[in-house]
Amino acid sequence: MSMIGQFRALSPWLLDAVKQSPALLYDLLGIPTRFDEDPVDLRLLLPRTALKSIETMDVEERARVLDELKSIAQDNPQLESMIQQLGNSFDEPATGIAEALKKAGFSSDDLCEVLDIEKTWHGVHFLLCGHQDSDVTLLGQTVLGGREIGDDLGYGAARFLEPLEVQEISAALARVSTEEMRAKFDPETMKSQMIYPGGWDEDKEGNWDWLLDAFVQVKDYYRLAAGKGFAMLLYLT
């Protein structure tokens, strides 16, 4: 399965609530499952491309596909239940998050839209700090930083950055130029350091454009969060 890098900016008050009750991560932020309650989630078993295909279907087509899956799984009650839960998870997810926010005493103003940089996360991290692991520098904290919160999501727990850290990282990102990033783009070194997802030397210009686009999105997202005085959640799904 793919490892997808995601960011979600949230108000400091919402972060405080999540610290008090980490289960809010799943209800409010759309992270797919509580591993302590349900260790098997069909969304985590399906390839991401399959999930995106289902997500883009209209309501009738999605219902037909899910019915076909249920008919295949009719002799397996657990799998049939998982397919039903998968179908339920597509029913107005944004409304569900809004309702969960309201129930917890917050509003949509406390939570930004998720930033999904897909499989570029490790490459962006490498271009920012020159190696595969996180470090204590501001740029090294941009993608892989933060302190863990909640349960393992499959590729580690979610991590959070406090508002002041978000502001400091945003300022550091603002000083990074496209030219500096381009100078650090070294497909051979990225291959030797096993920077995910690999294949950096196969289409150098295409991969550079892919990483540059993701970097700009991350930079803009941190600027947005810093401007709001928000904290940040970082996680892999």
C-alpha atoms as a PDB file:
ATOM      1  CA  MET A   1       0.000   0.000   0.000  1.00  0.00           C
ATOM      2  CA  SER A   2       1.050   3.603  -0.592  1.00  0.00           C
ATOM      3  CA  MET A   3       2.157   5.907   2.199  1.00  0.00           C
ATOM      4  CA  ILE A   4       0.387   9.233   1.793  1.00  0.00           C
ATOM      5  CA  GLY A   5       1.549  12.390   3.560  1.00  0.00           C
ATOM      6  CA  GLN A   6      -1.129  14.675   4.967  1.00  0.00           C
ATOM      7  CA  PHE A   7      -1.299  17.891   6.963  1.00  0.00           C
ATOM      8  CA  ARG A   8      -4.214  19.388   8.838  1.00  0.00           C
ATOM      9  CA  ALA A   9      -4.129  22.803  10.474  1.00  0.00           C
ATOM     10  CA  LEU A  10      -6.354  23.320  13.505  1.00  0.00           C
ATOM     11  CA  SER A  11      -6.981  25.926  16.143  1.00  0.00           C
ATOM     12  CA  PRO A  12      -4.950  25.708  19.371  1.00  0.00           C
ATOM     13  CA  TRP A  13      -8.198  25.142  21.269  1.00  0.00           C
ATOM     14  CA  LEU A  14      -9.110  22.181  19.103  1.00  0.00           C
ATOM     15  CA  LEU A  15      -5.585  20.805  19.542  1.00  0.00           C
ATOM     16  CA  ASP A  16      -6.003  21.091  23.318  1.00  0.00           C
ATOM     17  CA  ALA A  17      -9.235  19.101  23.062  1.00  0.00           C
ATOM     18  CA  VAL A  18      -7.496  16.440  20.971  1.00  0.00           C
ATOM     19  CA  LYS A  19      -4.722  16.210  23.571  1.00  0.00           C
ATOM     20  CA  GLN A  20      -7.354  15.598  26.235  1.00  0.00           C
ATOM     21  CA  SER A  21      -9.181  13.036  24.090  1.00  0.00           C
ATOM     22  CA  PRO A  22      -7.040  11.638  21.226  1.00  0.00           C
ATOM     23  CA  ALA A  23     -10.105   9.785  19.894  1.00  0.00           C
ATOM     24  CA  LEU A  24     -11.188  13.167  18.498  1.00  0.00           C
ATOM     25  CA  LEU A  25      -8.504  12.669  15.855  1.00  0.00           C
ATOM     26  CA  TYR A  26     -10.723  10.101  14.173  1.00  0.00           C
ATOM     27  CA  ASP A  27     -14.070  11.845  14.659  1.00  0.00           C
ATOM     28  CA  LEU A  28     -13.007  15.369  13.778  1.00  0.00           C
ATOM     29  CA  LEU A  29     -10.113  15.043  11.383  1.00  0.00           C
ATOM     30  CA  GLY A  30     -11.295  12.246   9.119  1.00  0.00           C
ATOM     31  CA  ILE A  31      -8.513   9.793   9.977  1.00  0.00           C
ATOM     32  CA  PRO A  32     -10.063   6.488   8.921  1.00  0.00           C
ATOM     33  CA  THR A  33     -10.100   4.204  11.941  1.00  0.00           C
ATOM     34  CA  ARG A  34      -9.620   3.618  15.645  1.00  0.00           C
ATOM     35  CA  PHE A  35      -7.210   0.726  15.734  1.00  0.00           C
ATOM     36  CA  ASP A  36      -7.928  -0.022  19.385  1.00  0.00           C
ATOM     37  CA  GLU A  37     -11.623  -0.554  18.628  1.00  0.00           C
ATOM     38  CA  ASP A  38     -11.596  -1.986  15.115  1.00  0.00           C
ATOM     39  CA  PRO A  39      -8.216  -3.401  14.053  1.00  0.00           C
ATOM     40  CA  VAL A  40      -9.384  -4.131  10.504  1.00  0.00           C
ATOM     41  CA  ASP A  41     -10.651  -1.347   8.244  1.00  0.00           C
ATOM     42  CA  LEU A  42     -11.451  -2.030   4.614  1.00  0.00           C
ATOM     43  CA  ARG A  43     -10.335   1.487   3.659  1.00  0.00           C
ATOM     44  CA  LEU A  44      -6.843   0.522   4.774  1.00  0.00           C
ATOM     45  CA  LEU A  45      -6.890  -2.753   2.851  1.00  0.00           C
ATOM     46  CA  LEU A  46      -7.919  -1.290  -0.483  1.00  0.00           C
ATOM     47  CA  PRO A  47      -5.296   0.336  -2.735  1.00  0.00           C
ATOM     48  CA  ARG A  48      -5.571   4.128  -2.651  1.00  0.00           C
ATOM     49  CA  THR A  49      -6.308   4.181  -6.376  1.00  0.00           C
ATOM     50  CA  ALA A  50      -9.326   1.942  -5.759  1.00  0.00           C
ATOM     51  CA  LEU A  51     -10.581   4.219  -2.989  1.00  0.00           C
ATOM     52  CA  LYS A  52     -10.221   7.293  -5.190  1.00  0.00           C
ATOM     53  CA  SER A  53     -12.105   5.505  -7.938  1.00  0.00           C
ATOM     54  CA  ILE A  54     -14.984   4.753  -5.560  1.00  0.00           C
ATOM     55  CA  GLU A  55     -14.914   8.316  -4.189  1.00  0.00           C
ATOM     56  CA  THR A  56     -15.315   9.829  -7.663  1.00  0.00           C
ATOM     57  CA  MET A  57     -18.315   7.657  -8.611  1.00  0.00           C
ATOM     58  CA  ASP A  58     -21.799   9.125  -8.516  1.00  0.00           C
ATOM     59  CA  VAL A  59     -24.132   7.870  -5.796  1.00  0.00           C
ATOM     60  CA  GLU A  60     -25.899   5.277  -7.963  1.00  0.00           C
ATOM     61  CA  GLU A  61     -22.710   3.816  -9.428  1.00  0.00           C
ATOM     62  CA  ARG A  62     -21.068   3.627  -5.990  1.00  0.00           C
ATOM     63  CA  ALA A  63     -24.114   1.857  -4.569  1.00  0.00           C
ATOM     64  CA  ARG A  64     -24.011  -0.670  -7.427  1.00  0.00           C
ATOM     65  CA  VAL A  65     -20.323  -1.417  -6.876  1.00  0.00           C
ATOM     66  CA  LEU A  66     -20.799  -1.797  -3.124  1.00  0.00           C
ATOM     67  CA  ASP A  67     -23.779  -4.112  -3.693  1.00  0.00           C
ATOM     68  CA  GLU A  68     -21.636  -6.270  -5.952  1.00  0.00           C
ATOM     69  CA  LEU A  69     -18.934  -6.413  -3.282  1.00  0.00           C
ATOM     70  CA  LYS A  70     -21.525  -7.404  -0.677  1.00  0.00           C
ATOM     71  CA  SER A  71     -22.832 -10.209  -2.899  1.00  0.00           C
ATOM     72  CA  ILE A  72     -19.303 -11.565  -3.247  1.00  0.00           C
ATOM     73  CA  ALA A  73     -18.834 -11.362   0.533  1.00  0.00           C
ATOM     74  CA  GLN A  74     -22.256 -12.738   1.493  1.00  0.00           C
ATOM     75  CA  ASP A  75     -20.744 -15.865   3.074  1.00  0.00           C
ATOM     76  CA  ASN A  76     -18.399 -13.740   5.166  1.00  0.00           C
ATOM     77  CA  PRO A  77     -20.419 -11.629   7.660  1.00  0.00           C
ATOM     78  CA  GLN A  78     -17.352  -9.722   8.889  1.00  0.00           C
ATOM     79  CA  LEU A  79     -16.304  -8.707   5.383  1.00  0.00           C
ATOM     80  CA  GLU A  80     -19.901  -7.825   4.484  1.00  0.00           C
ATOM     81  CA  SER A  81     -20.062  -5.571   7.561  1.00  0.00           C
ATOM     82  CA  MET A  82     -16.793  -3.912   6.580  1.00  0.00           C
ATOM     83  CA  ILE A  83     -18.156  -3.186   3.097  1.00  0.00           C
ATOM     84  CA  GLN A  84     -21.260  -1.641   4.660  1.00  0.00           C
ATOM     85  CA  GLN A  85     -19.063   0.549   6.866  1.00  0.00           C
ATOM     86  CA  LEU A  86     -17.041   1.555   3.812  1.00  0.00           C
ATOM     87  CA  GLY A  87     -20.231   2.658   2.074  1.00  0.00           C
ATOM     88  CA  ASN A  88     -21.323   4.608   5.142  1.00  0.00           C
ATOM     89  CA  SER A  89     -17.978   6.405   5.256  1.00  0.00           C
ATOM     90  CA  PHE A  90     -18.702   8.017   1.870  1.00  0.00           C
ATOM     91  CA  ASP A  91     -22.045   9.459   2.991  1.00  0.00           C
ATOM     92  CA  GLU A  92     -21.512  13.215   3.263  1.00  0.00           C
ATOM     93  CA  PRO A  93     -18.145  13.024   5.087  1.00  0.00           C
ATOM     94  CA  ALA A  94     -17.778  16.822   5.262  1.00  0.00           C
ATOM     95  CA  THR A  95     -21.156  17.093   6.975  1.00  0.00           C
ATOM     96  CA  GLY A  96     -20.115  14.362   9.391  1.00  0.00           C
ATOM     97  CA  ILE A  97     -16.982  16.265  10.368  1.00  0.00           C
ATOM     98  CA  ALA A  98     -18.968  19.477  10.787  1.00  0.00           C
ATOM     99  CA  GLU A  99     -21.414  17.695  13.064  1.00  0.00           C
ATOM    100  CA  ALA A 100     -18.574  16.168  15.070  1.00  0.00           C
ATOM    101  CA  LEU A 101     -16.992  19.602  15.458  1.00  0.00           C
ATOM    102  CA  LYS A 102     -20.275  21.062  16.643  1.00  0.00           C
ATOM    103  CA  LYS A 103     -20.807  18.219  19.086  1.00  0.00           C
ATOM    104  CA  ALA A 104     -17.363  18.851  20.580  1.00  0.00           C
ATOM    105  CA  GLY A 105     -18.093  22.572  20.925  1.00  0.00           C
ATOM    106  CA  PHE A 106     -16.162  23.784  17.876  1.00  0.00           C
ATOM    107  CA  SER A 107     -16.947  25.023  14.380  1.00  0.00           C
ATOM    108  CA  SER A 108     -15.512  24.680  10.883  1.00  0.00           C
ATOM    109  CA  ASP A 109     -13.471  27.804  11.624  1.00  0.00           C
ATOM    110  CA  ASP A 110     -11.331  25.667  13.942  1.00  0.00           C
ATOM    111  CA  LEU A 111     -10.226  23.271  11.218  1.00  0.00           C
ATOM    112  CA  CYS A 112      -8.642  23.833   7.805  1.00  0.00           C
ATOM    113  CA  GLU A 113      -9.126  21.595   4.803  1.00  0.00           C
ATOM    114  CA  VAL A 114      -6.637  18.745   4.704  1.00  0.00           C
ATOM    115  CA  LEU A 115      -3.515  19.103   2.580  1.00  0.00           C
ATOM    116  CA  ASP A 116      -2.685  15.812   0.867  1.00  0.00           C
ATOM    117  CA  ILE A 117       0.721  15.718  -0.855  1.00  0.00           C
ATOM    118  CA  GLU A 118       0.361  12.018  -1.641  1.00  0.00           C
ATOM    119  CA  LYS A 119       3.671  10.171  -2.116  1.00  0.00           C
ATOM    120  CA  THR A 120       5.847  13.283  -2.386  1.00  0.00           C
ATOM    121  CA  TRP A 121       6.236  13.669   1.391  1.00  0.00           C
ATOM    122  CA  HIS A 122       9.619  11.930   1.697  1.00  0.00           C
ATOM    123  CA  GLY A 123      11.051  13.654  -1.368  1.00  0.00           C
ATOM    124  CA  VAL A 124       9.988  17.070  -0.082  1.00  0.00           C
ATOM    125  CA  HIS A 125      11.551  16.256   3.284  1.00  0.00           C
ATOM    126  CA  PHE A 126      14.802  15.252   1.562  1.00  0.00           C
ATOM    127  CA  LEU A 127      14.961  18.470  -0.431  1.00  0.00           C
ATOM    128  CA  LEU A 128      14.431  20.478   2.743  1.00  0.00           C
ATOM    129  CA  CYS A 129      17.126  18.838   4.856  1.00  0.00           C
ATOM    130  CA  GLY A 130      19.212  16.514   2.673  1.00  0.00           C
ATOM    131  CA  HIS A 131      18.579  13.190   4.366  1.00  0.00           C
ATOM    132  CA  GLN A 132      15.861  10.618   4.974  1.00  0.00           C
ATOM    133  CA  ASP A 133      15.130  11.076   8.695  1.00  0.00           C
ATOM    134  CA  SER A 134      13.610  13.856  10.766  1.00  0.00           C
ATOM    135  CA  ASP A 135      15.876  16.192  12.700  1.00  0.00           C
ATOM    136  CA  VAL A 136      15.553  19.091  15.135  1.00  0.00           C
ATOM    137  CA  THR A 137      15.939  21.847  12.545  1.00  0.00           C
ATOM    138  CA  LEU A 138      12.888  23.813  11.490  1.00  0.00           C
ATOM    139  CA  LEU A 139      13.046  22.512   7.925  1.00  0.00           C
ATOM    140  CA  GLY A 140      13.605  18.978   9.227  1.00  0.00           C
ATOM    141  CA  GLN A 141      10.407  19.299  11.263  1.00  0.00           C
ATOM    142  CA  THR A 142       8.248  20.486   8.367  1.00  0.00           C
ATOM    143  CA  VAL A 143       7.131  17.063   7.138  1.00  0.00           C
ATOM    144  CA  LEU A 144       8.371  14.516   9.695  1.00  0.00           C
ATOM    145  CA  GLY A 145       8.419  16.581  12.862  1.00  0.00           C
ATOM    146  CA  GLY A 146       6.103  16.980  15.813  1.00  0.00           C
ATOM    147  CA  ARG A 147       5.215  14.935  18.869  1.00  0.00           C
ATOM    148  CA  GLU A 148       3.106  11.809  18.592  1.00  0.00           C
ATOM    149  CA  ILE A 149      -0.541  11.810  19.607  1.00  0.00           C
ATOM    150  CA  GLY A 150      -3.094   9.009  19.514  1.00  0.00           C
ATOM    151  CA  ASP A 151      -2.674   5.482  18.202  1.00  0.00           C
ATOM    152  CA  ASP A 152      -0.692   4.031  15.343  1.00  0.00           C
ATOM    153  CA  LEU A 153      -2.516   4.821  12.085  1.00  0.00           C
ATOM    154  CA  GLY A 154      -0.732   2.088  10.188  1.00  0.00           C
ATOM    155  CA  TYR A 155       2.454   4.048   9.460  1.00  0.00           C
ATOM    156  CA  GLY A 156       2.937   5.522  12.905  1.00  0.00           C
ATOM    157  CA  ALA A 157       0.852   7.863  15.045  1.00  0.00           C
ATOM    158  CA  ALA A 158      -0.218  11.340  14.010  1.00  0.00           C
ATOM    159  CA  ARG A 159       2.115  14.105  15.173  1.00  0.00           C
ATOM    160  CA  PHE A 160       1.381  17.685  16.184  1.00  0.00           C
ATOM    161  CA  LEU A 161       3.165  21.021  16.088  1.00  0.00           C
ATOM    162  CA  GLU A 162       2.227  23.902  18.389  1.00  0.00           C
ATOM    163  CA  PRO A 163       1.214  27.258  16.850  1.00  0.00           C
ATOM    164  CA  LEU A 164       4.585  28.883  17.631  1.00  0.00           C
ATOM    165  CA  GLU A 165       6.373  25.986  15.928  1.00  0.00           C
ATOM    166  CA  VAL A 166       4.121  26.377  12.884  1.00  0.00           C
ATOM    167  CA  GLN A 167       4.993  30.081  12.695  1.00  0.00           C
ATOM    168  CA  GLU A 168       8.717  29.376  12.983  1.00  0.00           C
ATOM    169  CA  ILE A 169       8.586  26.668  10.323  1.00  0.00           C
ATOM    170  CA  SER A 170       6.550  28.914   8.026  1.00  0.00           C
ATOM    171  CA  ALA A 171       9.163  31.655   8.352  1.00  0.00           C
ATOM    172  CA  ALA A 172      11.937  29.150   7.599  1.00  0.00           C
ATOM    173  CA  LEU A 173      10.077  27.858   4.520  1.00  0.00           C
ATOM    174  CA  ALA A 174       9.607  31.406   3.266  1.00  0.00           C
ATOM    175  CA  ARG A 175      13.402  31.743   3.082  1.00  0.00           C
ATOM    176  CA  VAL A 176      13.783  28.630   0.888  1.00  0.00           C
ATOM    177  CA  SER A 177      13.969  29.424  -2.813  1.00  0.00           C
ATOM    178  CA  THR A 178      13.093  27.255  -5.769  1.00  0.00           C
ATOM    179  CA  GLU A 179      16.742  27.453  -6.845  1.00  0.00           C
ATOM    180  CA  GLU A 180      17.906  26.013  -3.515  1.00  0.00           C
ATOM    181  CA  MET A 181      15.440  23.168  -3.780  1.00  0.00           C
ATOM    182  CA  ARG A 182      16.487  22.442  -7.356  1.00  0.00           C
ATOM    183  CA  ALA A 183      20.161  22.314  -6.308  1.00  0.00           C
ATOM    184  CA  LYS A 184      19.308  19.645  -3.710  1.00  0.00           C
ATOM    185  CA  PHE A 185      17.378  17.499  -6.174  1.00  0.00           C
ATOM    186  CA  ASP A 186      19.785  14.585  -6.625  1.00  0.00           C
ATOM    187  CA  PRO A 187      17.982  11.469  -7.920  1.00  0.00           C
ATOM    188  CA  GLU A 188      21.019   9.209  -7.435  1.00  0.00           C
ATOM    189  CA  THR A 189      21.446  10.203  -3.785  1.00  0.00           C
ATOM    190  CA  MET A 190      17.699   9.923  -3.236  1.00  0.00           C
ATOM    191  CA  LYS A 191      17.844   6.423  -4.687  1.00  0.00           C
ATOM    192  CA  SER A 192      20.789   5.425  -2.461  1.00  0.00           C
ATOM    193  CA  GLN A 193      19.033   6.808   0.632  1.00  0.00           C
ATOM    194  CA  MET A 194      15.832   4.973  -0.350  1.00  0.00           C
ATOM    195  CA  ILE A 195      13.709   8.094  -0.408  1.00  0.00           C
ATOM    196  CA  TYR A 196      10.100   6.956  -0.794  1.00  0.00           C
ATOM    197  CA  PRO A 197       8.545   6.061  -3.229  1.00  0.00           C
ATOM    198  CA  GLY A 198      11.671   5.585  -5.347  1.00  0.00           C
ATOM    199  CA  GLY A 199      12.117   5.844  -9.095  1.00  0.00           C
ATOM    200  CA  TRP A 200      13.529   9.371  -8.848  1.00  0.00           C
ATOM    201  CA  ASP A 201      16.024   8.755 -11.646  1.00  0.00           C
ATOM    202  CA  GLU A 202      13.440   7.435 -14.110  1.00  0.00           C
ATOM    203  CA  ASP A 203      11.817  10.756 -15.053  1.00  0.00           C
ATOM    204  CA  LYS A 204      14.007  13.444 -13.539  1.00  0.00           C
ATOM    205  CA  GLU A 205      12.178  16.505 -14.873  1.00  0.00           C
ATOM    206  CA  GLY A 206       8.760  15.033 -14.181  1.00  0.00           C
ATOM    207  CA  ASN A 207       9.760  14.104 -10.634  1.00  0.00           C
ATOM    208  CA  TRP A 208      11.252  17.532 -10.020  1.00  0.00           C
ATOM    209  CA  ASP A 209       8.038  19.234 -11.151  1.00  0.00           C
ATOM    210  CA  TRP A 210       6.063  16.841  -8.924  1.00  0.00           C
ATOM    211  CA  LEU A 211       8.164  17.696  -5.875  1.00  0.00           C
ATOM    212  CA  LEU A 212       8.202  21.423  -6.597  1.00  0.00           C
ATOM    213  CA  ASP A 213       4.410  21.516  -6.789  1.00  0.00           C
ATOM    214  CA  ALA A 214       4.148  19.672  -3.464  1.00  0.00           C
ATOM    215  CA  PHE A 215       6.720  21.973  -1.831  1.00  0.00           C
ATOM    216  CA  VAL A 216       4.792  25.072  -2.921  1.00  0.00           C
ATOM    217  CA  GLN A 217       1.597  23.578  -1.496  1.00  0.00           C
ATOM    218  CA  VAL A 218       3.306  22.818   1.837  1.00  0.00           C
ATOM    219  CA  LYS A 219       4.827  26.290   1.970  1.00  0.00           C
ATOM    220  CA  ASP A 220       1.468  27.952   1.268  1.00  0.00           C
ATOM    221  CA  TYR A 221      -0.332  25.722   3.775  1.00  0.00           C
ATOM    222  CA  TYR A 222       2.101  26.582   6.570  1.00  0.00           C
ATOM    223  CA  ARG A 223       1.721  30.276   5.717  1.00  0.00           C
ATOM    224  CA  LEU A 224      -2.071  29.924   5.947  1.00  0.00           C
ATOM    225  CA  ALA A 225      -1.868  28.099   9.282  1.00  0.00           C
ATOM    226  CA  ALA A 226       0.666  30.564  10.708  1.00  0.00           C
ATOM    227  CA  GLY A 227      -1.524  33.484   9.675  1.00  0.00           C
ATOM    228  CA  LYS A 228      -4.426  31.987  11.608  1.00  0.00           C
ATOM    229  CA  GLY A 229      -2.297  31.185  14.656  1.00  0.00           C
ATOM    230  CA  PHE A 230      -3.101  27.507  14.155  1.00  0.00           C
ATOM    231  CA  ALA A 231      -1.348  24.319  15.203  1.00  0.00           C
ATOM    232  CA  MET A 232      -0.626  21.489  12.765  1.00  0.00           C
ATOM    233  CA  LEU A 233      -1.225  17.767  12.551  1.00  0.00           C
ATOM    234  CA  LEU A 234       1.053  15.675  10.345  1.00  0.00           C
ATOM    235  CA  TYR A 235       0.391  12.040   9.522  1.00  0.00           C
ATOM    236  CA  LEU A 236       0.873   9.208   7.048  1.00  0.00           C
ATOM    237  CA  THR A 237      -2.043   7.073   5.888  1.00  0.00           C
END
